[in-house]
PDB file of N, CA and C in Angstrom:
ATOM      1  N   UNK A   1       2.122 -94.022 140.266  1.00  0.00           N
ATOM      2  CA  UNK A   1       0.489 -94.769 140.074  1.00  0.00           C
ATOM      3  C   UNK A   1      -0.086 -93.877 138.407  1.00  0.00           C
ATOM      4  N   UNK A   2       0.414 -93.246 137.975  1.00  0.00           N
ATOM      5  CA  UNK A   2       0.520 -92.039 136.351  1.00  0.00           C
ATOM      6  C   UNK A   2       1.315 -92.847 135.370  1.00  0.00           C
ATOM      7  N   UNK A   3       2.674 -93.523 135.865  1.00  0.00           N
ATOM      8  CA  UNK A   3       3.375 -93.593 134.749  1.00  0.00           C
ATOM      9  C   UNK A   3       2.806 -94.941 134.118  1.00  0.00           C
ATOM     10  N   UNK A   4       2.786 -95.750 132.824  1.00  0.00           N
ATOM     11  CA  UNK A   4       1.740 -96.262 131.879  1.00  0.00           C
ATOM     12  C   UNK A   4       3.156 -97.494 131.684  1.00  0.00           C
ATOM     13  N   UNK A   5       2.755 -98.784 131.932  1.00  0.00           N
ATOM     14  CA  UNK A   5       4.090 -99.989 131.669  1.00  0.00           C
ATOM     15  C   UNK A   5       3.341-100.717 130.818  1.00  0.00           C
ATOM     16  N   UNK A   6       3.671-101.103 129.574  1.00  0.00           N
ATOM     17  CA  UNK A   6       3.506-102.014 128.903  1.00  0.00           C
ATOM     18  C   UNK A   6       2.953-103.082 129.629  1.00  0.00           C
ATOM     19  N   UNK A   7       1.642-104.189 128.457  1.00  0.00           N
ATOM     20  CA  UNK A   7       0.882-105.015 129.328  1.00  0.00           C
ATOM     21  C   UNK A   7       2.114-106.209 129.487  1.00  0.00           C
ATOM     22  N   UNK A   8       2.884-106.529 129.060  1.00  0.00           N
ATOM     23  CA  UNK A   8       3.901-106.845 129.344  1.00  0.00           C
ATOM     24  C   UNK A   8       4.203-107.868 130.945  1.00  0.00           C
ATOM     25  N   UNK A   9       3.990-105.994 131.353  1.00  0.00           N
ATOM     26  CA  UNK A   9       4.762-105.514 132.962  1.00  0.00           C
ATOM     27  C   UNK A   9       4.104-106.618 134.350  1.00  0.00           C
ATOM     28  N   UNK A  10       2.992-107.043 133.732  1.00  0.00           N
ATOM     29  CA  UNK A  10       1.808-108.048 134.717  1.00  0.00           C
ATOM     30  C   UNK A  10       2.707-109.189 134.644  1.00  0.00           C
ATOM     31  N   UNK A  11       3.205-109.893 133.745  1.00  0.00           N
ATOM     32  CA  UNK A  11       3.702-111.130 133.289  1.00  0.00           C
ATOM     33  C   UNK A  11       4.999-111.150 134.201  1.00  0.00           C
ATOM     34  N   UNK A  12       5.831-109.746 134.301  1.00  0.00           N
ATOM     35  CA  UNK A  12       6.980-109.843 135.263  1.00  0.00           C
ATOM     36  C   UNK A  12       6.786-110.417 136.313  1.00  0.00           C
ATOM     37  N   UNK A  13       5.588-109.658 136.937  1.00  0.00           N
ATOM     38  CA  UNK A  13       5.794-109.935 138.409  1.00  0.00           C
ATOM     39  C   UNK A  13       4.538-111.408 138.985  1.00  0.00           C
ATOM     40  N   UNK A  14       4.498-112.127 137.876  1.00  0.00           N
ATOM     41  CA  UNK A  14       3.713-113.236 138.227  1.00  0.00           C
ATOM     42  C   UNK A  14       4.952-114.522 138.351  1.00  0.00           C
ATOM     43  N   UNK A  15       4.180-115.565 139.482  1.00  0.00           N
ATOM     44  CA  UNK A  15       5.502-116.683 138.948  1.00  0.00           C
ATOM     45  C   UNK A  15       4.992-117.344 137.918  1.00  0.00           C
ATOM     46  N   UNK A  16       6.102-118.406 137.575  1.00  0.00           N
ATOM     47  CA  UNK A  16       5.648-119.276 136.244  1.00  0.00           C
ATOM     48  C   UNK A  16       3.892-120.115 136.406  1.00  0.00           C
ATOM     49  N   UNK A  17       3.976-120.870 137.821  1.00  0.00           N
ATOM     50  CA  UNK A  17       3.106-121.574 138.670  1.00  0.00           C
ATOM     51  C   UNK A  17       1.816-120.863 138.018  1.00  0.00           C
ATOM     52  N   UNK A  18       1.584-119.443 137.996  1.00  0.00           N
ATOM     53  CA  UNK A  18       0.854-118.653 138.124  1.00  0.00           C
ATOM     54  C   UNK A  18       0.729-118.899 136.222  1.00  0.00           C
ATOM     55  N   UNK A  19       1.345-118.555 135.719  1.00  0.00           N
ATOM     56  CA  UNK A  19       1.497-118.469 134.681  1.00  0.00           C
ATOM     57  C   UNK A  19       0.658-119.428 133.610  1.00  0.00           C
ATOM     58  N   UNK A  20       0.648-120.701 134.319  1.00  0.00           N
ATOM     59  CA  UNK A  20       0.744-122.130 133.462  1.00  0.00           C
ATOM     60  C   UNK A  20      -0.986-122.181 134.310  1.00  0.00           C
ATOM     61  N   UNK A  21      -0.836-121.672 135.278  1.00  0.00           N
ATOM     62  CA  UNK A  21      -2.428-122.269 135.645  1.00  0.00           C
ATOM     63  C   UNK A  21      -3.602-121.154 134.713  1.00  0.00           C
ATOM     64  N   UNK A  22      -2.959-119.452 134.376  1.00  0.00           N
ATOM     65  CA  UNK A  22      -3.585-118.702 133.433  1.00  0.00           C
ATOM     66  C   UNK A  22      -3.911-120.086 131.922  1.00  0.00           C
ATOM     67  N   UNK A  23      -2.792-120.116 131.239  1.00  0.00           N
ATOM     68  CA  UNK A  23      -2.661-120.851 129.986  1.00  0.00           C
ATOM     69  C   UNK A  23      -3.719-122.164 130.106  1.00  0.00           C
ATOM     70  N   UNK A  24      -3.625-122.675 131.276  1.00  0.00           N
ATOM     71  CA  UNK A  24      -4.638-123.997 131.330  1.00  0.00           C
ATOM     72  C   UNK A  24      -6.405-123.886 131.352  1.00  0.00           C
ATOM     73  N   UNK A  25      -6.637-122.022 131.837  1.00  0.00           N
ATOM     74  CA  UNK A  25      -7.932-122.050 131.946  1.00  0.00           C
ATOM     75  C   UNK A  25      -8.252-121.107 130.219  1.00  0.00           C
ATOM     76  N   UNK A  26      -9.445-121.967 130.222  1.00  0.00           N
ATOM     77  CA  UNK A  26      -9.883-122.255 128.393  1.00  0.00           C
ATOM     78  C   UNK A  26     -10.128-120.399 128.356  1.00  0.00           C
ATOM     79  N   UNK A  27     -10.163-120.461 127.234  1.00  0.00           N
ATOM     80  CA  UNK A  27     -10.696-118.422 126.915  1.00  0.00           C
ATOM     81  C   UNK A  27     -12.225-118.641 127.493  1.00  0.00           C
ATOM     82  N   UNK A  28     -13.146-119.640 126.886  1.00  0.00           N
ATOM     83  CA  UNK A  28     -14.616-119.439 126.714  1.00  0.00           C
ATOM     84  C   UNK A  28     -15.168-119.439 128.231  1.00  0.00           C
ATOM     85  N   UNK A  29     -14.268-119.978 129.642  1.00  0.00           N
ATOM     86  CA  UNK A  29     -14.605-120.244 130.754  1.00  0.00           C
ATOM     87  C   UNK A  29     -14.608-118.706 131.702  1.00  0.00           C
ATOM     88  N   UNK A  30     -15.804-118.775 132.765  1.00  0.00           N
ATOM     89  CA  UNK A  30     -15.655-117.607 133.545  1.00  0.00           C
ATOM     90  C   UNK A  30     -14.030-118.156 134.288  1.00  0.00           C
ATOM     91  N   UNK A  31     -13.746-116.663 134.237  1.00  0.00           N
ATOM     92  CA  UNK A  31     -12.314-116.575 134.954  1.00  0.00           C
ATOM     93  C   UNK A  31     -12.671-116.072 136.214  1.00  0.00           C
ATOM     94  N   UNK A  32     -12.110-117.139 137.094  1.00  0.00           N
ATOM     95  CA  UNK A  32     -12.373-116.684 138.657  1.00  0.00           C
ATOM     96  C   UNK A  32     -10.843-116.477 139.734  1.00  0.00           C
ATOM     97  N   UNK A  33     -10.338-115.521 140.370  1.00  0.00           N
ATOM     98  CA  UNK A  33      -9.292-115.793 141.345  1.00  0.00           C
ATOM     99  C   UNK A  33      -9.211-115.007 142.345  1.00  0.00           C
ATOM    100  N   UNK A  34      -8.119-115.265 143.032  1.00  0.00           N
ATOM    101  CA  UNK A  34      -7.886-114.122 144.104  1.00  0.00           C
ATOM    102  C   UNK A  34      -6.755-113.685 143.665  1.00  0.00           C
ATOM    103  N   UNK A  35      -6.454-112.769 143.783  1.00  0.00           N
ATOM    104  CA  UNK A  35      -4.884-112.228 143.901  1.00  0.00           C
ATOM    105  C   UNK A  35      -4.602-111.649 145.301  1.00  0.00           C
ATOM    106  N   UNK A  36      -3.129-112.691 145.303  1.00  0.00           N
ATOM    107  CA  UNK A  36      -2.908-112.466 146.883  1.00  0.00           C
ATOM    108  C   UNK A  36      -1.982-111.173 146.570  1.00  0.00           C
ATOM    109  N   UNK A  37      -1.834-110.207 147.791  1.00  0.00           N
ATOM    110  CA  UNK A  37      -0.808-108.739 147.429  1.00  0.00           C
ATOM    111  C   UNK A  37      -0.176-108.553 148.868  1.00  0.00           C
ATOM    112  N   UNK A  38       0.990-108.420 149.534  1.00  0.00           N
ATOM    113  CA  UNK A  38       1.318-108.328 149.879  1.00  0.00           C
ATOM    114  C   UNK A  38       2.402-107.270 150.232  1.00  0.00           C
ATOM    115  N   UNK A  39       1.859-106.517 151.436  1.00  0.00           N
ATOM    116  CA  UNK A  39       2.632-104.860 151.429  1.00  0.00           C
ATOM    117  C   UNK A  39       3.853-104.696 152.278  1.00  0.00           C
ATOM    118  N   UNK A  40       4.745-104.299 150.986  1.00  0.00           N
ATOM    119  CA  UNK A  40       6.102-103.669 151.699  1.00  0.00           C
ATOM    120  C   UNK A  40       6.160-103.108 153.698  1.00  0.00           C
ATOM    121  N   UNK A  41       7.300-103.590 153.894  1.00  0.00           N
ATOM    122  CA  UNK A  41       6.904-102.546 155.203  1.00  0.00           C
ATOM    123  C   UNK A  41       6.627-101.087 155.324  1.00  0.00           C
ATOM    124  N   UNK A  42       6.318-100.564 155.713  1.00  0.00           N
ATOM    125  CA  UNK A  42       5.635 -99.292 155.753  1.00  0.00           C
ATOM    126  C   UNK A  42       4.660 -98.811 154.516  1.00  0.00           C
ATOM    127  N   UNK A  43       4.486-100.048 153.514  1.00  0.00           N
ATOM    128  CA  UNK A  43       3.666 -99.632 151.992  1.00  0.00           C
ATOM    129  C   UNK A  43       2.640 -99.591 152.173  1.00  0.00           C
ATOM    130  N   UNK A  44       1.671-100.544 153.716  1.00  0.00           N
ATOM    131  CA  UNK A  44       0.419-100.929 153.505  1.00  0.00           C
ATOM    132  C   UNK A  44      -1.412 -99.831 152.757  1.00  0.00           C
ATOM    133  N   UNK A  45      -0.330 -98.755 153.625  1.00  0.00           N
ATOM    134  CA  UNK A  45      -1.591 -97.618 152.781  1.00  0.00           C
ATOM    135  C   UNK A  45      -1.310 -97.514 151.651  1.00  0.00           C
ATOM    136  N   UNK A  46      -0.252 -97.421 150.825  1.00  0.00           N
ATOM    137  CA  UNK A  46      -0.540 -97.019 149.642  1.00  0.00           C
ATOM    138  C   UNK A  46      -0.901 -97.855 148.510  1.00  0.00           C
ATOM    139  N   UNK A  47      -0.759 -99.533 149.340  1.00  0.00           N
ATOM    140  CA  UNK A  47      -1.049-100.062 148.684  1.00  0.00           C
ATOM    141  C   UNK A  47      -2.709-100.489 148.647  1.00  0.00           C
ATOM    142  N   UNK A  48      -2.886-100.486 149.653  1.00  0.00           N
ATOM    143  CA  UNK A  48      -4.837-100.237 149.790  1.00  0.00           C
ATOM    144  C   UNK A  48      -5.185 -99.300 148.911  1.00  0.00           C
ATOM    145  N   UNK A  49      -4.373 -98.251 148.993  1.00  0.00           N
ATOM    146  CA  UNK A  49      -5.046 -97.059 148.041  1.00  0.00           C
ATOM    147  C   UNK A  49      -5.031 -97.464 146.641  1.00  0.00           C
ATOM    148  N   UNK A  50      -3.955 -98.071 146.389  1.00  0.00           N
ATOM    149  CA  UNK A  50      -3.685 -98.170 144.806  1.00  0.00           C
ATOM    150  C   UNK A  50      -4.942 -98.845 144.381  1.00  0.00           C
ATOM    151  N   UNK A  51      -5.122-100.221 145.176  1.00  0.00           N
ATOM    152  CA  UNK A  51      -5.852-101.150 145.039  1.00  0.00           C
ATOM    153  C   UNK A  51      -7.252-100.746 145.256  1.00  0.00           C
ATOM    154  N   UNK A  52      -7.459 -99.997 145.740  1.00  0.00           N
ATOM    155  CA  UNK A  52      -9.451 -99.200 145.744  1.00  0.00           C
ATOM    156  C   UNK A  52      -9.522 -98.481 144.948  1.00  0.00           C
ATOM    157  N   UNK A  53      -8.040 -98.155 143.975  1.00  0.00           N
ATOM    158  CA  UNK A  53      -8.434 -97.026 142.926  1.00  0.00           C
ATOM    159  C   UNK A  53      -8.555 -98.068 141.609  1.00  0.00           C
ATOM    160  N   UNK A  54      -8.455 -99.381 142.056  1.00  0.00           N
ATOM    161  CA  UNK A  54      -9.093-100.076 140.664  1.00  0.00           C
ATOM    162  C   UNK A  54     -10.148-100.673 140.438  1.00  0.00           C
ATOM    163  N   UNK A  55     -10.889-100.501 142.190  1.00  0.00           N
ATOM    164  CA  UNK A  55     -12.492-100.725 142.440  1.00  0.00           C
ATOM    165  C   UNK A  55     -13.458-100.481 141.050  1.00  0.00           C
ATOM    166  N   UNK A  56     -13.642 -98.819 141.193  1.00  0.00           N
ATOM    167  CA  UNK A  56     -14.458 -98.548 140.815  1.00  0.00           C
ATOM    168  C   UNK A  56     -14.515 -98.931 138.506  1.00  0.00           C
ATOM    169  N   UNK A  57     -13.226 -98.615 138.408  1.00  0.00           N
ATOM    170  CA  UNK A  57     -13.180 -98.651 136.870  1.00  0.00           C
ATOM    171  C   UNK A  57     -12.955 -99.625 136.386  1.00  0.00           C
ATOM    172  N   UNK A  58     -12.905-101.383 137.290  1.00  0.00           N
ATOM    173  CA  UNK A  58     -12.583-101.849 137.268  1.00  0.00           C
ATOM    174  C   UNK A  58     -13.752-103.052 136.997  1.00  0.00           C
ATOM    175  N   UNK A  59     -15.041-102.433 137.625  1.00  0.00           N
ATOM    176  CA  UNK A  59     -16.176-103.103 137.928  1.00  0.00           C
ATOM    177  C   UNK A  59     -16.856-102.032 136.549  1.00  0.00           C
ATOM    178  N   UNK A  60     -16.443-101.509 136.075  1.00  0.00           N
ATOM    179  CA  UNK A  60     -17.239-100.559 134.788  1.00  0.00           C
ATOM    180  C   UNK A  60     -16.649-101.282 133.371  1.00  0.00           C
ATOM    181  N   UNK A  61     -15.971-102.337 133.107  1.00  0.00           N
ATOM    182  CA  UNK A  61     -15.313-102.961 132.515  1.00  0.00           C
ATOM    183  C   UNK A  61     -16.597-104.208 131.989  1.00  0.00           C
ATOM    184  N   UNK A  62     -16.727-104.012 130.754  1.00  0.00           N
ATOM    185  CA  UNK A  62     -17.748-104.802 129.909  1.00  0.00           C
ATOM    186  C   UNK A  62     -17.424-106.065 130.684  1.00  0.00           C
ATOM    187  N   UNK A  63     -16.318-106.875 130.784  1.00  0.00           N
ATOM    188  CA  UNK A  63     -16.357-108.270 131.004  1.00  0.00           C
ATOM    189  C   UNK A  63     -15.656-109.022 132.515  1.00  0.00           C
ATOM    190  N   UNK A  64     -16.076-107.723 133.528  1.00  0.00           N
ATOM    191  CA  UNK A  64     -15.841-107.684 135.020  1.00  0.00           C
ATOM    192  C   UNK A  64     -17.398-108.277 135.827  1.00  0.00           C
ATOM    193  N   UNK A  65     -17.118-109.529 136.094  1.00  0.00           N
ATOM    194  CA  UNK A  65     -18.156-110.221 136.562  1.00  0.00           C
ATOM    195  C   UNK A  65     -18.254-109.438 138.349  1.00  0.00           C
ATOM    196  N   UNK A  66     -16.894-109.911 138.532  1.00  0.00           N
ATOM    197  CA  UNK A  66     -16.590-109.256 140.268  1.00  0.00           C
ATOM    198  C   UNK A  66     -15.886-109.032 140.728  1.00  0.00           C
ATOM    199  N   UNK A  67     -15.220-107.783 141.505  1.00  0.00           N
ATOM    200  CA  UNK A  67     -13.953-107.212 141.982  1.00  0.00           C
ATOM    201  C   UNK A  67     -14.380-106.703 143.491  1.00  0.00           C
ATOM    202  N   UNK A  68     -13.854-107.824 143.931  1.00  0.00           N
ATOM    203  CA  UNK A  68     -13.759-107.184 145.593  1.00  0.00           C
ATOM    204  C   UNK A  68     -12.368-107.523 146.167  1.00  0.00           C
ATOM    205  N   UNK A  69     -12.417-106.240 147.501  1.00  0.00           N
ATOM    206  CA  UNK A  69     -11.050-106.377 147.505  1.00  0.00           C
ATOM    207  C   UNK A  69     -11.229-106.599 149.195  1.00  0.00           C
ATOM    208  N   UNK A  70     -10.120-107.853 149.842  1.00  0.00           N
ATOM    209  CA  UNK A  70     -10.389-107.644 151.244  1.00  0.00           C
ATOM    210  C   UNK A  70      -8.939-107.897 152.095  1.00  0.00           C
ATOM    211  N   UNK A  71      -8.737-107.675 153.093  1.00  0.00           N
ATOM    212  CA  UNK A  71      -7.660-107.398 153.788  1.00  0.00           C
ATOM    213  C   UNK A  71      -7.885-108.525 154.951  1.00  0.00           C
ATOM    214  N   UNK A  72      -6.674-109.519 155.246  1.00  0.00           N
ATOM    215  CA  UNK A  72      -6.512-110.219 155.898  1.00  0.00           C
ATOM    216  C   UNK A  72      -6.778-109.664 157.502  1.00  0.00           C
ATOM    217  N   UNK A  73      -6.971-109.895 158.278  1.00  0.00           N
ATOM    218  CA  UNK A  73      -7.238-109.600 159.735  1.00  0.00           C
ATOM    219  C   UNK A  73      -6.462-110.011 160.427  1.00  0.00           C
ATOM    220  N   UNK A  74      -5.825-110.738 160.563  1.00  0.00           N
ATOM    221  CA  UNK A  74      -4.275-111.352 161.412  1.00  0.00           C
ATOM    222  C   UNK A  74      -3.415-111.139 161.187  1.00  0.00           C
ATOM    223  N   UNK A  75      -3.473-110.331 159.421  1.00  0.00           N
ATOM    224  CA  UNK A  75      -2.000-110.261 158.877  1.00  0.00           C
ATOM    225  C   UNK A  75      -2.400-108.569 158.064  1.00  0.00           C
ATOM    226  N   UNK A  76      -2.229-107.877 158.566  1.00  0.00           N
ATOM    227  CA  UNK A  76      -2.949-105.849 157.598  1.00  0.00           C
ATOM    228  C   UNK A  76      -1.329-106.276 156.998  1.00  0.00           C
ATOM    229  N   UNK A  77      -1.947-105.644 155.441  1.00  0.00           N
ATOM    230  CA  UNK A  77      -0.878-105.315 154.665  1.00  0.00           C
ATOM    231  C   UNK A  77      -0.863-106.227 153.790  1.00  0.00           C
ATOM    232  N   UNK A  78      -1.542-107.448 154.039  1.00  0.00           N
ATOM    233  CA  UNK A  78      -1.969-108.772 153.178  1.00  0.00           C
ATOM    234  C   UNK A  78      -3.566-108.268 152.688  1.00  0.00           C
ATOM    235  N   UNK A  79      -3.392-108.294 151.141  1.00  0.00           N
ATOM    236  CA  UNK A  79      -4.940-108.109 150.327  1.00  0.00           C
ATOM    237  C   UNK A  79      -4.873-109.415 149.454  1.00  0.00           C
ATOM    238  N   UNK A  80      -6.603-109.410 149.579  1.00  0.00           N
ATOM    239  CA  UNK A  80      -7.141-110.769 148.435  1.00  0.00           C
ATOM    240  C   UNK A  80      -7.839-109.725 147.264  1.00  0.00           C
ATOM    241  N   UNK A  81      -8.128-109.711 145.802  1.00  0.00           N
ATOM    242  CA  UNK A  81      -8.651-109.209 145.398  1.00  0.00           C
ATOM    243  C   UNK A  81      -9.486-110.482 144.751  1.00  0.00           C
ATOM    244  N   UNK A  82     -10.927-110.605 144.734  1.00  0.00           N
ATOM    245  CA  UNK A  82     -11.426-111.983 144.426  1.00  0.00           C
ATOM    246  C   UNK A  82     -11.804-111.092 143.128  1.00  0.00           C
ATOM    247  N   UNK A  83     -11.614-111.470 141.923  1.00  0.00           N
ATOM    248  CA  UNK A  83     -11.834-111.274 140.394  1.00  0.00           C
ATOM    249  C   UNK A  83     -12.861-112.496 140.124  1.00  0.00           C
ATOM    250  N   UNK A  84     -13.859-111.663 139.058  1.00  0.00           N
ATOM    251  CA  UNK A  84     -14.162-112.785 138.318  1.00  0.00           C
ATOM    252  C   UNK A  84     -14.480-111.928 136.775  1.00  0.00           C
ATOM    253  N   UNK A  85     -13.915-112.596 135.871  1.00  0.00           N
ATOM    254  CA  UNK A  85     -14.484-112.147 134.520  1.00  0.00           C
ATOM    255  C   UNK A  85     -15.183-112.935 133.246  1.00  0.00           C
ATOM    256  N   UNK A  86     -15.596-112.513 133.101  1.00  0.00           N
ATOM    257  CA  UNK A  86     -16.631-113.539 131.812  1.00  0.00           C
ATOM    258  C   UNK A  86     -15.810-114.875 131.284  1.00  0.00           C
ATOM    259  N   UNK A  87     -14.373-114.237 130.717  1.00  0.00           N
ATOM    260  CA  UNK A  87     -13.793-115.391 130.274  1.00  0.00           C
ATOM    261  C   UNK A  87     -11.921-114.786 130.156  1.00  0.00           C
ATOM    262  N   UNK A  88     -11.422-115.475 129.592  1.00  0.00           N
ATOM    263  CA  UNK A  88      -9.734-114.903 130.064  1.00  0.00           C
ATOM    264  C   UNK A  88      -9.539-113.765 128.960  1.00  0.00           C
ATOM    265  N   UNK A  89     -10.187-114.088 127.706  1.00  0.00           N
ATOM    266  CA  UNK A  89      -9.878-112.540 126.989  1.00  0.00           C
ATOM    267  C   UNK A  89     -10.388-111.217 127.924  1.00  0.00           C
ATOM    268  N   UNK A  90     -11.310-111.489 128.843  1.00  0.00           N
ATOM    269  CA  UNK A  90     -11.934-110.257 129.437  1.00  0.00           C
ATOM    270  C   UNK A  90     -10.562-109.713 130.537  1.00  0.00           C
ATOM    271  N   UNK A  91     -10.339-110.976 130.895  1.00  0.00           N
ATOM    272  CA  UNK A  91      -9.293-110.866 131.843  1.00  0.00           C
ATOM    273  C   UNK A  91      -8.279-110.341 130.943  1.00  0.00           C
ATOM    274  N   UNK A  92      -7.981-110.071 130.327  1.00  0.00           N
ATOM    275  CA  UNK A  92      -6.233-109.575 129.232  1.00  0.00           C
ATOM    276  C   UNK A  92      -7.075-108.254 128.810  1.00  0.00           C
ATOM    277  N   UNK A  93      -7.946-108.212 128.553  1.00  0.00           N
ATOM    278  CA  UNK A  93      -8.496-107.030 128.522  1.00  0.00           C
ATOM    279  C   UNK A  93      -8.083-105.846 129.902  1.00  0.00           C
ATOM    280  N   UNK A  94      -8.770-106.377 131.012  1.00  0.00           N
ATOM    281  CA  UNK A  94      -8.513-106.327 131.672  1.00  0.00           C
ATOM    282  C   UNK A  94      -6.551-105.379 132.170  1.00  0.00           C
ATOM    283  N   UNK A  95      -6.529-106.847 132.044  1.00  0.00           N
ATOM    284  CA  UNK A  95      -4.592-106.534 132.014  1.00  0.00           C
ATOM    285  C   UNK A  95      -4.593-104.910 131.097  1.00  0.00           C
ATOM    286  N   UNK A  96      -4.514-104.942 130.446  1.00  0.00           N
ATOM    287  CA  UNK A  96      -4.459-104.176 129.236  1.00  0.00           C
ATOM    288  C   UNK A  96      -4.852-102.824 129.413  1.00  0.00           C
ATOM    289  N   UNK A  97      -5.587-102.492 130.584  1.00  0.00           N
ATOM    290  CA  UNK A  97      -6.624-100.904 130.407  1.00  0.00           C
ATOM    291  C   UNK A  97      -5.535-100.212 130.833  1.00  0.00           C
ATOM    292  N   UNK A  98      -5.803 -98.459 131.103  1.00  0.00           N
ATOM    293  CA  UNK A  98      -4.620 -97.680 131.342  1.00  0.00           C
ATOM    294  C   UNK A  98      -4.916 -97.902 133.047  1.00  0.00           C
ATOM    295  N   UNK A  99      -5.843 -98.150 133.599  1.00  0.00           N
ATOM    296  CA  UNK A  99      -5.632 -98.061 135.350  1.00  0.00           C
ATOM    297  C   UNK A  99      -4.841 -99.273 135.767  1.00  0.00           C
ATOM    298  N   UNK A 100      -5.131-100.447 135.063  1.00  0.00           N
ATOM    299  CA  UNK A 100      -4.338-101.481 135.439  1.00  0.00           C
ATOM    300  C   UNK A 100      -2.617-101.368 135.520  1.00  0.00           C
ATOM    301  N   UNK A 101      -2.606-100.940 134.102  1.00  0.00           N
ATOM    302  CA  UNK A 101      -1.382-100.678 133.654  1.00  0.00           C
ATOM    303  C   UNK A 101      -0.423 -99.547 134.891  1.00  0.00           C
ATOM    304  N   UNK A 102      -1.101 -98.736 135.036  1.00  0.00           N
ATOM    305  CA  UNK A 102      -1.089 -97.964 136.062  1.00  0.00           C
ATOM    306  C   UNK A 102      -0.724 -98.038 137.359  1.00  0.00           C
ATOM    307  N   UNK A 103      -1.572 -99.417 137.844  1.00  0.00           N
ATOM    308  CA  UNK A 103      -0.876-100.045 139.101  1.00  0.00           C
ATOM    309  C   UNK A 103       0.092-100.847 139.000  1.00  0.00           C
ATOM    310  N   UNK A 104       0.323-101.440 137.601  1.00  0.00           N
ATOM    311  CA  UNK A 104       1.702-102.440 137.276  1.00  0.00           C
ATOM    312  C   UNK A 104       2.746-101.313 137.266  1.00  0.00           C
ATOM    313  N   UNK A 105       3.108-100.555 136.927  1.00  0.00           N
ATOM    314  CA  UNK A 105       4.224-100.150 137.067  1.00  0.00           C
ATOM    315  C   UNK A 105       4.657 -99.416 138.839  1.00  0.00           C
ATOM    316  N   UNK A 106       3.268 -99.408 139.440  1.00  0.00           N
ATOM    317  CA  UNK A 106       4.318 -99.123 140.883  1.00  0.00           C
ATOM    318  C   UNK A 106       3.867-100.432 142.040  1.00  0.00           C
ATOM    319  N   UNK A 107       3.617-101.535 141.291  1.00  0.00           N
ATOM    320  CA  UNK A 107       3.383-102.867 142.375  1.00  0.00           C
ATOM    321  C   UNK A 107       5.045-102.621 143.049  1.00  0.00           C
ATOM    322  N   UNK A 108       5.754-102.819 141.884  1.00  0.00           N
ATOM    323  CA  UNK A 108       7.000-103.744 142.198  1.00  0.00           C
ATOM    324  C   UNK A 108       7.471-102.501 143.784  1.00  0.00           C
ATOM    325  N   UNK A 109       7.404-101.178 144.266  1.00  0.00           N
ATOM    326  CA  UNK A 109       7.730-100.197 145.025  1.00  0.00           C
ATOM    327  C   UNK A 109       6.637-100.464 146.076  1.00  0.00           C
ATOM    328  N   UNK A 110       5.612-100.894 145.738  1.00  0.00           N
ATOM    329  CA  UNK A 110       4.510-101.579 147.101  1.00  0.00           C
ATOM    330  C   UNK A 110       4.552-103.246 147.384  1.00  0.00           C
ATOM    331  N   UNK A 111       4.831-104.173 146.935  1.00  0.00           N
ATOM    332  CA  UNK A 111       4.336-105.290 146.679  1.00  0.00           C
ATOM    333  C   UNK A 111       5.693-105.745 147.405  1.00  0.00           C
ATOM    334  N   UNK A 112       5.952-106.905 148.924  1.00  0.00           N
ATOM    335  CA  UNK A 112       6.811-107.641 149.446  1.00  0.00           C
ATOM    336  C   UNK A 112       7.291-108.900 148.387  1.00  0.00           C
ATOM    337  N   UNK A 113       6.486-108.858 147.605  1.00  0.00           N
ATOM    338  CA  UNK A 113       6.717-110.504 147.410  1.00  0.00           C
ATOM    339  C   UNK A 113       5.601-110.264 145.907  1.00  0.00           C
ATOM    340  N   UNK A 114       6.458-111.245 144.954  1.00  0.00           N
ATOM    341  CA  UNK A 114       5.129-111.171 143.566  1.00  0.00           C
ATOM    342  C   UNK A 114       4.002-111.281 144.214  1.00  0.00           C
ATOM    343  N   UNK A 115       3.163-111.004 143.030  1.00  0.00           N
ATOM    344  CA  UNK A 115       1.320-110.926 143.365  1.00  0.00           C
ATOM    345  C   UNK A 115       1.412-112.284 142.616  1.00  0.00           C
ATOM    346  N   UNK A 116       0.603-113.171 143.495  1.00  0.00           N
ATOM    347  CA  UNK A 116       0.367-114.551 143.486  1.00  0.00           C
ATOM    348  C   UNK A 116      -1.138-114.588 143.338  1.00  0.00           C
ATOM    349  N   UNK A 117      -1.739-115.497 142.003  1.00  0.00           N
ATOM    350  CA  UNK A 117      -2.671-115.467 141.536  1.00  0.00           C
ATOM    351  C   UNK A 117      -3.376-116.813 141.440  1.00  0.00           C
ATOM    352  N   UNK A 118      -4.377-117.104 142.275  1.00  0.00           N
ATOM    353  CA  UNK A 118      -4.942-118.282 142.603  1.00  0.00           C
ATOM    354  C   UNK A 118      -5.857-118.404 141.774  1.00  0.00           C
ATOM    355  N   UNK A 119      -6.065-119.224 140.761  1.00  0.00           N
ATOM    356  CA  UNK A 119      -7.263-119.487 139.279  1.00  0.00           C
ATOM    357  C   UNK A 119      -7.910-120.480 140.287  1.00  0.00           C
ATOM    358  N   UNK A 120      -9.575-120.114 140.235  1.00  0.00           N
ATOM    359  CA  UNK A 120     -10.792-120.787 140.721  1.00  0.00           C
ATOM    360  C   UNK A 120     -11.342-121.405 139.746  1.00  0.00           C
ATOM    361  N   UNK A 121     -11.789-123.046 140.409  1.00  0.00           N
ATOM    362  CA  UNK A 121     -12.580-123.279 139.626  1.00  0.00           C
ATOM    363  C   UNK A 121     -14.367-123.886 140.274  1.00  0.00           C
ATOM    364  N   UNK A 122     -15.469-123.204 139.752  1.00  0.00           N
ATOM    365  CA  UNK A 122     -16.757-123.081 140.706  1.00  0.00           C
ATOM    366  C   UNK A 122     -16.737-124.659 141.176  1.00  0.00           C
ATOM    367  N   UNK A 123     -17.620-124.664 142.236  1.00  0.00           N
ATOM    368  CA  UNK A 123     -17.719-126.150 142.637  1.00  0.00           C
ATOM    369  C   UNK A 123     -19.209-126.536 142.563  1.00  0.00           C
ATOM    370  N   UNK A 124     -19.679-125.466 143.298  1.00  0.00           N
ATOM    371  CA  UNK A 124     -21.232-125.272 144.092  1.00  0.00           C
ATOM    372  C   UNK A 124     -21.520-124.164 143.336  1.00  0.00           C
ATOM    373  N   UNK A 125     -22.967-124.174 143.109  1.00  0.00           N
ATOM    374  CA  UNK A 125     -23.790-123.058 143.170  1.00  0.00           C
ATOM    375  C   UNK A 125     -24.344-122.033 143.893  1.00  0.00           C
TER     376      UNK A 125
END
């Protein structure tokens, strides 16, 4: 968790579909997403702790509107991070922070599959 990785490390774990969805999102729109993270066997507690460590510093970021961690009840070890940032630029700033880069550097050891980012458009108020 203490090793910093270059900003591009986040891109290494994203699928091409995720990258395309993020590019399609306008830079001026509120950026809302669900990050889906599934722990490797025996690494559930480690992944949970690493994700919980992101909460406080991320919520303190100027562009963060929402950052809440959930675990799927019927699939322990599958986590969902509900994220909302003022715009894509705020998300990019988040990805470049030392706390996220530290997480990204250790992600591969914790995740059973690449992080999946589901980009959402708000439909109701």
